[in-house]
């Protein structure tokens, strides 16, 4: 399920054509000022049952939205890795999560990615200076996402929500 914000009054930029995966509308509600960057805004949300096929599906949908928003390749790669890791964590570690949501927003110069599930335990955010166990088969995903987001001026956070938890990656849009 794809949900987009209703466009506010004002000019609307046509989204890039995509086969099979619609992108949310990108709008420019602020008046244009010569020499100023436009205030681009948008959002997208999807709900899915966690499963092995969910990871590539959500990655594909996020890629389509980022392409439509014309996000740089460097930032897009961080967010694509983030959605793969976070959705993969839901699939692998939350057996009690029957549904999950992935949401994205672009506003105020920031791109935000939220992966929400119905599981109650919050993951522990790794300390960036922590050395991962070299023999462990897992446990590096959140650390990698946290470090990559920080490298481009963003952050990773975890919060309890009404029906579970949400992991958020917020990075500059440019």
N, C-alpha and C. Protein backbone atom coordinates (compact mmCIF):
# COMPACT_ATOMS: atom_id res chain seq x y z
N UNK A 1 0.84 -1.16 0.00
CA UNK A 1 0.00 0.00 0.00
C UNK A 1 0.89 1.22 0.00
N UNK A 2 0.69 2.13 -0.93
CA UNK A 2 1.44 3.37 -1.03
C UNK A 2 0.52 4.51 -0.69
N UNK A 3 0.94 5.36 0.21
CA UNK A 3 0.15 6.52 0.59
C UNK A 3 0.99 7.75 0.36
N UNK A 4 0.43 8.77 -0.23
CA UNK A 4 1.15 10.01 -0.41
C UNK A 4 0.34 11.16 0.14
N UNK A 5 1.00 12.23 0.43
CA UNK A 5 0.33 13.42 0.95
C UNK A 5 -0.44 14.09 -0.16
N UNK A 6 -1.62 14.63 0.14
CA UNK A 6 -2.33 15.38 -0.89
C UNK A 6 -1.53 16.63 -1.21
N UNK A 7 -1.41 16.95 -2.50
CA UNK A 7 -0.59 18.10 -2.85
C UNK A 7 -1.23 19.40 -2.40
N UNK A 8 -0.43 20.29 -1.80
CA UNK A 8 -0.95 21.60 -1.43
C UNK A 8 -1.12 22.45 -2.67
N UNK A 9 -1.81 23.56 -2.52
CA UNK A 9 -1.99 24.45 -3.65
C UNK A 9 -0.63 24.96 -4.07
N UNK A 10 -0.40 25.03 -5.35
CA UNK A 10 0.88 25.51 -5.87
C UNK A 10 1.36 24.62 -6.97
N UNK A 11 2.50 24.93 -7.57
CA UNK A 11 3.01 24.14 -8.68
C UNK A 11 3.42 22.75 -8.23
N UNK A 12 3.24 21.77 -9.09
CA UNK A 12 3.58 20.39 -8.80
C UNK A 12 4.54 19.91 -9.86
N UNK A 13 5.67 19.37 -9.44
CA UNK A 13 6.62 18.81 -10.38
C UNK A 13 6.20 17.39 -10.68
N UNK A 14 6.24 17.01 -11.93
CA UNK A 14 5.84 15.66 -12.33
C UNK A 14 6.89 14.67 -11.85
N UNK A 15 6.48 13.56 -11.22
CA UNK A 15 7.45 12.57 -10.78
C UNK A 15 8.05 11.85 -11.98
N UNK A 16 9.26 11.35 -11.81
CA UNK A 16 9.92 10.62 -12.88
C UNK A 16 9.12 9.38 -13.22
N UNK A 17 8.95 9.06 -14.51
CA UNK A 17 8.16 7.87 -14.87
C UNK A 17 8.84 6.61 -14.37
N UNK A 18 8.05 5.70 -13.83
CA UNK A 18 8.52 4.43 -13.30
C UNK A 18 7.51 3.36 -13.66
N UNK A 19 8.00 2.22 -14.02
CA UNK A 19 7.10 1.11 -14.30
C UNK A 19 6.76 0.39 -13.00
N UNK A 20 5.52 0.12 -12.75
CA UNK A 20 4.99 -0.71 -11.67
C UNK A 20 5.11 -0.12 -10.27
N UNK A 21 5.98 0.85 -10.01
CA UNK A 21 6.10 1.40 -8.67
C UNK A 21 5.84 2.90 -8.74
N UNK A 22 4.66 3.34 -8.30
CA UNK A 22 4.38 4.77 -8.34
C UNK A 22 5.22 5.51 -7.31
N UNK A 23 5.58 6.74 -7.63
CA UNK A 23 6.32 7.56 -6.67
C UNK A 23 5.39 8.62 -6.15
N UNK A 24 5.63 9.09 -4.93
CA UNK A 24 4.79 10.13 -4.39
C UNK A 24 5.00 11.44 -5.16
N UNK A 25 4.02 12.30 -5.09
CA UNK A 25 4.14 13.58 -5.76
C UNK A 25 5.13 14.45 -5.00
N UNK A 26 5.92 15.17 -5.75
CA UNK A 26 6.85 16.12 -5.18
C UNK A 26 6.24 17.49 -5.40
N UNK A 27 6.11 18.25 -4.34
CA UNK A 27 5.45 19.55 -4.47
C UNK A 27 6.37 20.66 -4.03
N UNK A 28 6.06 21.84 -4.48
CA UNK A 28 6.81 23.03 -4.11
C UNK A 28 5.80 24.08 -3.65
N UNK A 29 5.38 24.03 -2.37
CA UNK A 29 4.35 24.92 -1.90
C UNK A 29 4.84 26.34 -1.62
N UNK A 30 6.14 26.53 -1.47
CA UNK A 30 6.66 27.85 -1.12
C UNK A 30 6.77 28.72 -2.37
N UNK A 31 6.57 30.03 -2.23
CA UNK A 31 6.75 30.90 -3.37
C UNK A 31 8.20 30.87 -3.83
N UNK A 32 8.38 30.98 -5.12
CA UNK A 32 9.73 30.96 -5.67
C UNK A 32 10.41 32.30 -5.46
N UNK A 33 11.65 32.22 -5.02
CA UNK A 33 12.47 33.40 -4.86
C UNK A 33 13.69 33.20 -5.77
N UNK A 34 13.98 34.16 -6.60
CA UNK A 34 15.09 34.01 -7.53
C UNK A 34 16.36 33.68 -6.77
N UNK A 35 17.05 32.63 -7.22
CA UNK A 35 18.30 32.23 -6.60
C UNK A 35 18.15 31.33 -5.39
N UNK A 36 16.95 31.12 -4.88
CA UNK A 36 16.74 30.27 -3.70
C UNK A 36 16.36 28.87 -4.13
N UNK A 37 16.78 27.89 -3.34
CA UNK A 37 16.41 26.50 -3.63
C UNK A 37 14.94 26.29 -3.29
N UNK A 38 14.21 25.50 -4.11
CA UNK A 38 12.80 25.26 -3.81
C UNK A 38 12.64 24.42 -2.55
N UNK A 39 11.53 24.61 -1.85
CA UNK A 39 11.21 23.83 -0.66
C UNK A 39 10.44 22.60 -1.11
N UNK A 40 11.13 21.50 -1.33
CA UNK A 40 10.52 20.27 -1.80
C UNK A 40 10.03 19.49 -0.59
N UNK A 41 8.82 18.94 -0.69
CA UNK A 41 8.25 18.15 0.39
C UNK A 41 7.58 16.92 -0.19
N UNK A 42 7.49 15.88 0.59
CA UNK A 42 6.76 14.69 0.17
C UNK A 42 6.86 13.61 1.23
N UNK A 43 6.01 12.61 1.09
CA UNK A 43 6.13 11.45 1.96
C UNK A 43 5.54 10.23 1.28
N UNK A 44 5.93 9.06 1.77
CA UNK A 44 5.42 7.78 1.27
C UNK A 44 5.38 6.82 2.45
N UNK A 45 4.41 5.90 2.42
CA UNK A 45 4.29 4.88 3.47
C UNK A 45 3.86 3.57 2.84
N UNK A 46 4.36 2.49 3.38
CA UNK A 46 3.95 1.16 2.95
C UNK A 46 3.76 0.29 4.18
N UNK A 47 2.86 -0.66 4.10
CA UNK A 47 2.66 -1.66 5.15
C UNK A 47 2.86 -3.03 4.51
N UNK A 48 3.45 -3.95 5.27
CA UNK A 48 3.71 -5.28 4.72
C UNK A 48 3.79 -6.29 5.85
N UNK A 49 3.61 -7.55 5.49
CA UNK A 49 3.87 -8.65 6.40
C UNK A 49 5.36 -8.95 6.29
N UNK A 50 6.09 -9.01 7.41
CA UNK A 50 7.53 -9.28 7.34
C UNK A 50 7.80 -10.67 6.77
N UNK A 51 8.65 -10.74 5.79
CA UNK A 51 9.05 -11.99 5.17
C UNK A 51 10.28 -11.76 4.30
N UNK A 52 10.89 -12.83 3.83
CA UNK A 52 12.11 -12.70 3.04
C UNK A 52 11.93 -11.81 1.82
N UNK A 53 10.79 -11.85 1.17
CA UNK A 53 10.56 -11.03 -0.02
C UNK A 53 10.32 -9.56 0.31
N UNK A 54 10.10 -9.25 1.57
CA UNK A 54 9.82 -7.87 1.98
C UNK A 54 11.05 -6.98 1.83
N UNK A 55 12.24 -7.51 2.08
CA UNK A 55 13.45 -6.70 2.03
C UNK A 55 13.67 -6.13 0.62
N UNK A 56 13.75 -6.96 -0.43
CA UNK A 56 13.96 -6.36 -1.76
C UNK A 56 12.78 -5.51 -2.23
N UNK A 57 11.57 -5.85 -1.80
CA UNK A 57 10.40 -5.05 -2.18
C UNK A 57 10.50 -3.65 -1.60
N UNK A 58 10.80 -3.53 -0.31
CA UNK A 58 10.90 -2.22 0.31
C UNK A 58 12.10 -1.44 -0.23
N UNK A 59 13.18 -2.12 -0.49
CA UNK A 59 14.36 -1.45 -1.07
C UNK A 59 14.00 -0.86 -2.44
N UNK A 60 13.28 -1.61 -3.24
CA UNK A 60 12.87 -1.14 -4.56
C UNK A 60 11.95 0.07 -4.45
N UNK A 61 11.01 0.03 -3.52
CA UNK A 61 10.08 1.15 -3.34
C UNK A 61 10.81 2.40 -2.85
N UNK A 62 11.72 2.23 -1.91
CA UNK A 62 12.50 3.36 -1.41
C UNK A 62 13.35 3.95 -2.54
N UNK A 63 13.96 3.09 -3.34
CA UNK A 63 14.77 3.57 -4.47
C UNK A 63 13.92 4.42 -5.43
N UNK A 64 12.72 3.96 -5.73
CA UNK A 64 11.84 4.70 -6.65
C UNK A 64 11.50 6.08 -6.09
N UNK A 65 11.22 6.15 -4.80
CA UNK A 65 10.90 7.43 -4.18
C UNK A 65 12.12 8.35 -4.19
N UNK A 66 13.28 7.84 -3.82
CA UNK A 66 14.50 8.65 -3.81
C UNK A 66 14.83 9.17 -5.21
N UNK A 67 14.63 8.33 -6.22
CA UNK A 67 14.85 8.77 -7.61
C UNK A 67 13.88 9.90 -7.96
N UNK A 68 12.62 9.75 -7.57
CA UNK A 68 11.63 10.78 -7.84
C UNK A 68 11.93 12.09 -7.13
N UNK A 69 12.53 12.01 -5.96
CA UNK A 69 12.90 13.20 -5.21
C UNK A 69 14.25 13.75 -5.63
N UNK A 70 14.92 13.04 -6.53
CA UNK A 70 16.24 13.43 -7.04
C UNK A 70 17.27 13.58 -5.92
N UNK A 71 17.29 12.61 -5.03
CA UNK A 71 18.26 12.57 -3.93
C UNK A 71 19.60 12.10 -4.50
N UNK A 72 20.70 12.69 -4.03
CA UNK A 72 22.02 12.34 -4.55
C UNK A 72 22.33 10.86 -4.33
N UNK A 73 23.23 10.34 -5.16
CA UNK A 73 23.59 8.92 -5.08
C UNK A 73 24.18 8.56 -3.72
N UNK A 74 25.01 9.43 -3.15
CA UNK A 74 25.65 9.15 -1.86
C UNK A 74 24.60 8.98 -0.76
N UNK A 75 23.64 9.89 -0.70
CA UNK A 75 22.61 9.83 0.33
C UNK A 75 21.67 8.66 0.06
N UNK A 76 21.33 8.44 -1.21
CA UNK A 76 20.45 7.32 -1.57
C UNK A 76 21.07 5.99 -1.15
N UNK A 77 22.36 5.81 -1.36
CA UNK A 77 23.00 4.55 -0.99
C UNK A 77 22.94 4.29 0.52
N UNK A 78 23.10 5.34 1.32
CA UNK A 78 22.99 5.19 2.77
C UNK A 78 21.56 4.76 3.14
N UNK A 79 20.57 5.40 2.54
CA UNK A 79 19.18 5.07 2.87
C UNK A 79 18.78 3.69 2.34
N UNK A 80 19.32 3.28 1.20
CA UNK A 80 19.01 1.94 0.67
C UNK A 80 19.64 0.86 1.55
N UNK A 81 20.85 1.10 2.00
CA UNK A 81 21.46 0.14 2.93
C UNK A 81 20.67 0.12 4.23
N UNK A 82 20.25 1.31 4.69
CA UNK A 82 19.49 1.39 5.94
C UNK A 82 18.18 0.62 5.85
N UNK A 83 17.43 0.81 4.77
CA UNK A 83 16.14 0.10 4.66
C UNK A 83 16.37 -1.40 4.57
N UNK A 84 17.42 -1.83 3.88
CA UNK A 84 17.72 -3.27 3.81
C UNK A 84 18.03 -3.82 5.19
N UNK A 85 18.86 -3.13 5.95
CA UNK A 85 19.24 -3.60 7.29
C UNK A 85 18.06 -3.58 8.25
N UNK A 86 17.30 -2.47 8.25
CA UNK A 86 16.22 -2.33 9.22
C UNK A 86 15.06 -3.28 8.93
N UNK A 87 14.68 -3.42 7.67
CA UNK A 87 13.62 -4.37 7.32
C UNK A 87 14.12 -5.80 7.57
N UNK A 88 15.37 -6.06 7.22
CA UNK A 88 15.96 -7.38 7.50
C UNK A 88 15.93 -7.71 8.98
N UNK A 89 16.19 -6.71 9.84
CA UNK A 89 16.12 -6.93 11.29
C UNK A 89 14.71 -7.29 11.73
N UNK A 90 13.71 -6.64 11.16
CA UNK A 90 12.32 -6.97 11.50
C UNK A 90 12.04 -8.43 11.11
N UNK A 91 12.45 -8.80 9.92
CA UNK A 91 12.21 -10.16 9.42
C UNK A 91 12.92 -11.19 10.31
N UNK A 92 14.17 -10.93 10.67
CA UNK A 92 14.97 -11.90 11.43
C UNK A 92 14.70 -11.93 12.92
N UNK A 93 14.43 -10.77 13.52
CA UNK A 93 14.44 -10.69 14.98
C UNK A 93 13.10 -10.42 15.65
N UNK A 94 12.05 -10.21 14.92
CA UNK A 94 10.77 -9.89 15.57
C UNK A 94 9.70 -10.87 15.13
N UNK A 95 9.73 -12.04 15.72
CA UNK A 95 8.77 -13.07 15.36
C UNK A 95 7.34 -12.68 15.73
N UNK A 96 7.18 -11.76 16.68
CA UNK A 96 5.83 -11.37 17.08
C UNK A 96 5.29 -10.17 16.28
N UNK A 97 6.06 -9.69 15.32
CA UNK A 97 5.61 -8.56 14.49
C UNK A 97 4.83 -9.12 13.29
N UNK A 98 3.52 -8.98 13.33
CA UNK A 98 2.70 -9.48 12.22
C UNK A 98 2.69 -8.52 11.05
N UNK A 99 2.84 -7.24 11.33
CA UNK A 99 2.85 -6.22 10.29
C UNK A 99 3.99 -5.25 10.56
N UNK A 100 4.48 -4.67 9.52
CA UNK A 100 5.49 -3.64 9.65
C UNK A 100 5.14 -2.49 8.72
N UNK A 101 5.66 -1.32 9.04
CA UNK A 101 5.45 -0.15 8.18
C UNK A 101 6.80 0.46 7.86
N UNK A 102 6.92 0.93 6.64
CA UNK A 102 8.09 1.69 6.23
C UNK A 102 7.56 3.02 5.75
N UNK A 103 8.13 4.09 6.26
CA UNK A 103 7.70 5.42 5.87
C UNK A 103 8.90 6.29 5.54
N UNK A 104 8.68 7.21 4.61
CA UNK A 104 9.73 8.16 4.23
C UNK A 104 9.12 9.54 4.17
N UNK A 105 9.91 10.53 4.50
CA UNK A 105 9.46 11.91 4.32
C UNK A 105 10.63 12.77 3.88
N UNK A 106 10.30 13.80 3.15
CA UNK A 106 11.26 14.78 2.69
C UNK A 106 10.69 16.13 3.04
N UNK A 107 11.35 16.82 3.95
CA UNK A 107 10.90 18.17 4.33
C UNK A 107 12.01 18.87 5.09
N UNK A 108 12.01 20.18 4.95
CA UNK A 108 12.98 21.00 5.66
C UNK A 108 14.42 20.64 5.39
N UNK A 109 14.72 20.11 4.21
CA UNK A 109 16.09 19.76 3.87
C UNK A 109 16.56 18.42 4.42
N UNK A 110 15.64 17.60 4.95
CA UNK A 110 15.98 16.30 5.54
C UNK A 110 15.17 15.19 4.90
N UNK A 111 15.79 14.04 4.73
CA UNK A 111 15.08 12.82 4.34
C UNK A 111 15.03 11.93 5.57
N UNK A 112 13.85 11.44 5.87
CA UNK A 112 13.67 10.59 7.05
C UNK A 112 13.10 9.25 6.62
N UNK A 113 13.67 8.18 7.13
CA UNK A 113 13.21 6.81 6.89
C UNK A 113 12.83 6.21 8.23
N UNK A 114 11.60 5.69 8.34
CA UNK A 114 11.14 5.04 9.56
C UNK A 114 10.73 3.61 9.24
N UNK A 115 11.22 2.67 10.03
CA UNK A 115 10.78 1.28 9.94
C UNK A 115 10.17 0.94 11.29
N UNK A 116 8.88 0.61 11.28
CA UNK A 116 8.11 0.41 12.50
C UNK A 116 7.54 -1.00 12.51
N UNK A 117 7.61 -1.66 13.67
CA UNK A 117 7.01 -2.99 13.81
C UNK A 117 6.31 -3.09 15.15
N UNK A 118 5.60 -4.16 15.35
CA UNK A 118 4.80 -4.33 16.56
C UNK A 118 5.52 -4.99 17.71
N UNK A 119 6.81 -5.23 17.58
CA UNK A 119 7.56 -5.88 18.66
C UNK A 119 7.92 -4.85 19.73
N UNK A 120 7.86 -5.26 20.99
CA UNK A 120 8.09 -4.34 22.09
C UNK A 120 9.55 -4.09 22.45
N UNK A 121 10.41 -5.08 22.47
CA UNK A 121 11.77 -4.77 22.93
C UNK A 121 12.47 -3.80 21.97
N UNK A 122 13.07 -2.76 22.55
CA UNK A 122 13.82 -1.81 21.74
C UNK A 122 15.22 -2.35 21.51
N UNK A 123 15.72 -2.25 20.28
CA UNK A 123 17.11 -2.67 20.08
C UNK A 123 18.05 -1.69 20.77
N UNK A 124 19.15 -2.17 21.21
CA UNK A 124 20.16 -1.30 21.81
C UNK A 124 20.98 -0.69 20.69
N UNK A 125 21.06 0.63 20.69
CA UNK A 125 21.92 1.28 19.71
C UNK A 125 23.36 1.05 20.12
N UNK A 126 24.19 0.63 19.19
CA UNK A 126 25.59 0.39 19.54
C UNK A 126 26.32 1.70 19.76
N UNK A 127 27.29 1.68 20.63
CA UNK A 127 28.15 2.84 20.80
C UNK A 127 29.11 2.85 19.61
N UNK A 128 29.26 3.97 18.92
CA UNK A 128 30.09 4.00 17.70
C UNK A 128 31.53 3.53 17.91
N UNK A 129 32.02 3.60 19.13
CA UNK A 129 33.40 3.17 19.38
C UNK A 129 33.48 1.70 19.79
N UNK A 130 32.34 1.03 19.86
CA UNK A 130 32.31 -0.37 20.26
C UNK A 130 32.85 -1.26 19.14
N UNK A 131 33.70 -2.17 19.49
CA UNK A 131 34.21 -3.15 18.53
C UNK A 131 33.23 -4.31 18.46
N UNK A 132 32.70 -4.60 17.27
CA UNK A 132 31.81 -5.77 17.17
C UNK A 132 32.61 -7.06 17.32
N UNK A 133 31.95 -8.08 17.80
CA UNK A 133 32.58 -9.39 17.95
C UNK A 133 32.96 -9.90 16.56
N UNK A 134 34.23 -10.12 16.29
CA UNK A 134 34.64 -10.54 14.94
C UNK A 134 34.11 -11.92 14.55
N UNK A 135 33.70 -12.73 15.52
CA UNK A 135 33.18 -14.07 15.23
C UNK A 135 31.67 -14.12 15.14
N UNK A 136 31.01 -13.01 15.47
CA UNK A 136 29.54 -12.99 15.45
C UNK A 136 29.03 -13.03 14.01
N UNK A 137 27.93 -13.75 13.81
CA UNK A 137 27.32 -13.84 12.48
C UNK A 137 26.36 -12.68 12.21
N UNK A 138 26.00 -11.94 13.23
CA UNK A 138 25.11 -10.79 13.07
C UNK A 138 25.47 -9.76 14.13
N UNK A 139 24.73 -8.65 14.14
CA UNK A 139 24.96 -7.65 15.17
C UNK A 139 25.70 -6.42 14.71
N UNK A 140 25.97 -6.33 13.40
CA UNK A 140 26.70 -5.17 12.89
C UNK A 140 25.81 -4.19 12.14
N UNK A 141 24.60 -4.58 11.79
CA UNK A 141 23.74 -3.77 10.93
C UNK A 141 23.44 -2.39 11.46
N UNK A 142 22.97 -2.31 12.71
CA UNK A 142 22.65 -1.00 13.29
C UNK A 142 23.90 -0.12 13.42
N UNK A 143 25.02 -0.73 13.74
CA UNK A 143 26.27 0.02 13.86
C UNK A 143 26.66 0.60 12.49
N UNK A 144 26.57 -0.21 11.45
CA UNK A 144 26.91 0.25 10.10
C UNK A 144 25.99 1.39 9.68
N UNK A 145 24.69 1.23 9.89
CA UNK A 145 23.73 2.28 9.53
C UNK A 145 24.02 3.54 10.33
N UNK A 146 24.28 3.40 11.62
CA UNK A 146 24.56 4.54 12.48
C UNK A 146 25.81 5.29 12.00
N UNK A 147 26.86 4.57 11.68
CA UNK A 147 28.11 5.20 11.24
C UNK A 147 27.97 5.88 9.88
N UNK A 148 27.29 5.23 8.94
CA UNK A 148 27.10 5.83 7.62
C UNK A 148 26.22 7.07 7.68
N UNK A 149 25.17 7.01 8.49
CA UNK A 149 24.30 8.18 8.63
C UNK A 149 25.08 9.34 9.25
N UNK A 150 25.86 9.06 10.28
CA UNK A 150 26.64 10.10 10.95
C UNK A 150 27.68 10.70 10.00
N UNK A 151 28.24 9.88 9.14
CA UNK A 151 29.26 10.34 8.20
C UNK A 151 28.73 11.41 7.24
N UNK A 152 27.44 11.36 6.93
CA UNK A 152 26.87 12.36 6.02
C UNK A 152 26.03 13.40 6.77
N UNK A 153 26.19 13.45 8.09
CA UNK A 153 25.52 14.48 8.89
C UNK A 153 24.16 14.09 9.42
N UNK A 154 23.86 12.80 9.43
CA UNK A 154 22.56 12.32 9.91
C UNK A 154 22.66 11.59 11.22
N UNK A 155 21.57 10.89 11.54
CA UNK A 155 21.54 10.15 12.81
C UNK A 155 20.58 8.97 12.73
N UNK A 156 20.79 8.03 13.63
CA UNK A 156 19.93 6.86 13.80
C UNK A 156 19.33 6.97 15.19
N UNK A 157 18.03 6.70 15.30
CA UNK A 157 17.38 6.71 16.62
C UNK A 157 16.34 5.60 16.69
N UNK A 158 16.01 5.23 17.93
CA UNK A 158 15.02 4.20 18.19
C UNK A 158 14.03 4.77 19.18
N UNK A 159 12.72 4.52 18.94
CA UNK A 159 11.73 5.03 19.88
C UNK A 159 10.59 4.04 20.03
N UNK A 160 10.01 4.04 21.21
CA UNK A 160 8.81 3.25 21.45
C UNK A 160 7.64 4.00 20.83
N UNK A 161 6.76 3.26 20.19
CA UNK A 161 5.54 3.85 19.63
C UNK A 161 4.36 3.11 20.23
N UNK A 162 3.18 3.57 19.92
CA UNK A 162 1.96 3.03 20.54
C UNK A 162 1.86 1.52 20.46
N UNK A 163 2.23 0.93 19.35
CA UNK A 163 2.05 -0.51 19.20
C UNK A 163 3.36 -1.27 19.00
N UNK A 164 4.49 -0.70 19.36
CA UNK A 164 5.76 -1.40 19.19
C UNK A 164 6.93 -0.44 19.23
N UNK A 165 7.73 -0.47 18.18
CA UNK A 165 8.91 0.40 18.12
C UNK A 165 9.12 0.89 16.70
N UNK A 166 9.89 1.97 16.60
CA UNK A 166 10.25 2.53 15.30
C UNK A 166 11.73 2.87 15.32
N UNK A 167 12.41 2.50 14.25
CA UNK A 167 13.80 2.84 14.07
C UNK A 167 13.85 3.88 12.96
N UNK A 168 14.52 4.99 13.23
CA UNK A 168 14.50 6.15 12.32
C UNK A 168 15.92 6.50 11.88
N UNK A 169 16.05 6.75 10.59
CA UNK A 169 17.29 7.29 10.03
C UNK A 169 16.92 8.63 9.42
N UNK A 170 17.65 9.66 9.82
CA UNK A 170 17.39 11.01 9.33
C UNK A 170 18.70 11.56 8.79
N UNK A 171 18.69 11.95 7.50
CA UNK A 171 19.90 12.45 6.85
C UNK A 171 19.58 13.72 6.06
N UNK A 172 20.59 14.56 5.83
CA UNK A 172 20.36 15.74 5.01
C UNK A 172 19.96 15.32 3.59
N UNK A 173 19.07 16.09 2.98
CA UNK A 173 18.59 15.76 1.63
C UNK A 173 19.61 16.10 0.56
N UNK A 174 20.58 16.92 0.87
CA UNK A 174 21.59 17.29 -0.14
C UNK A 174 22.97 17.33 0.48
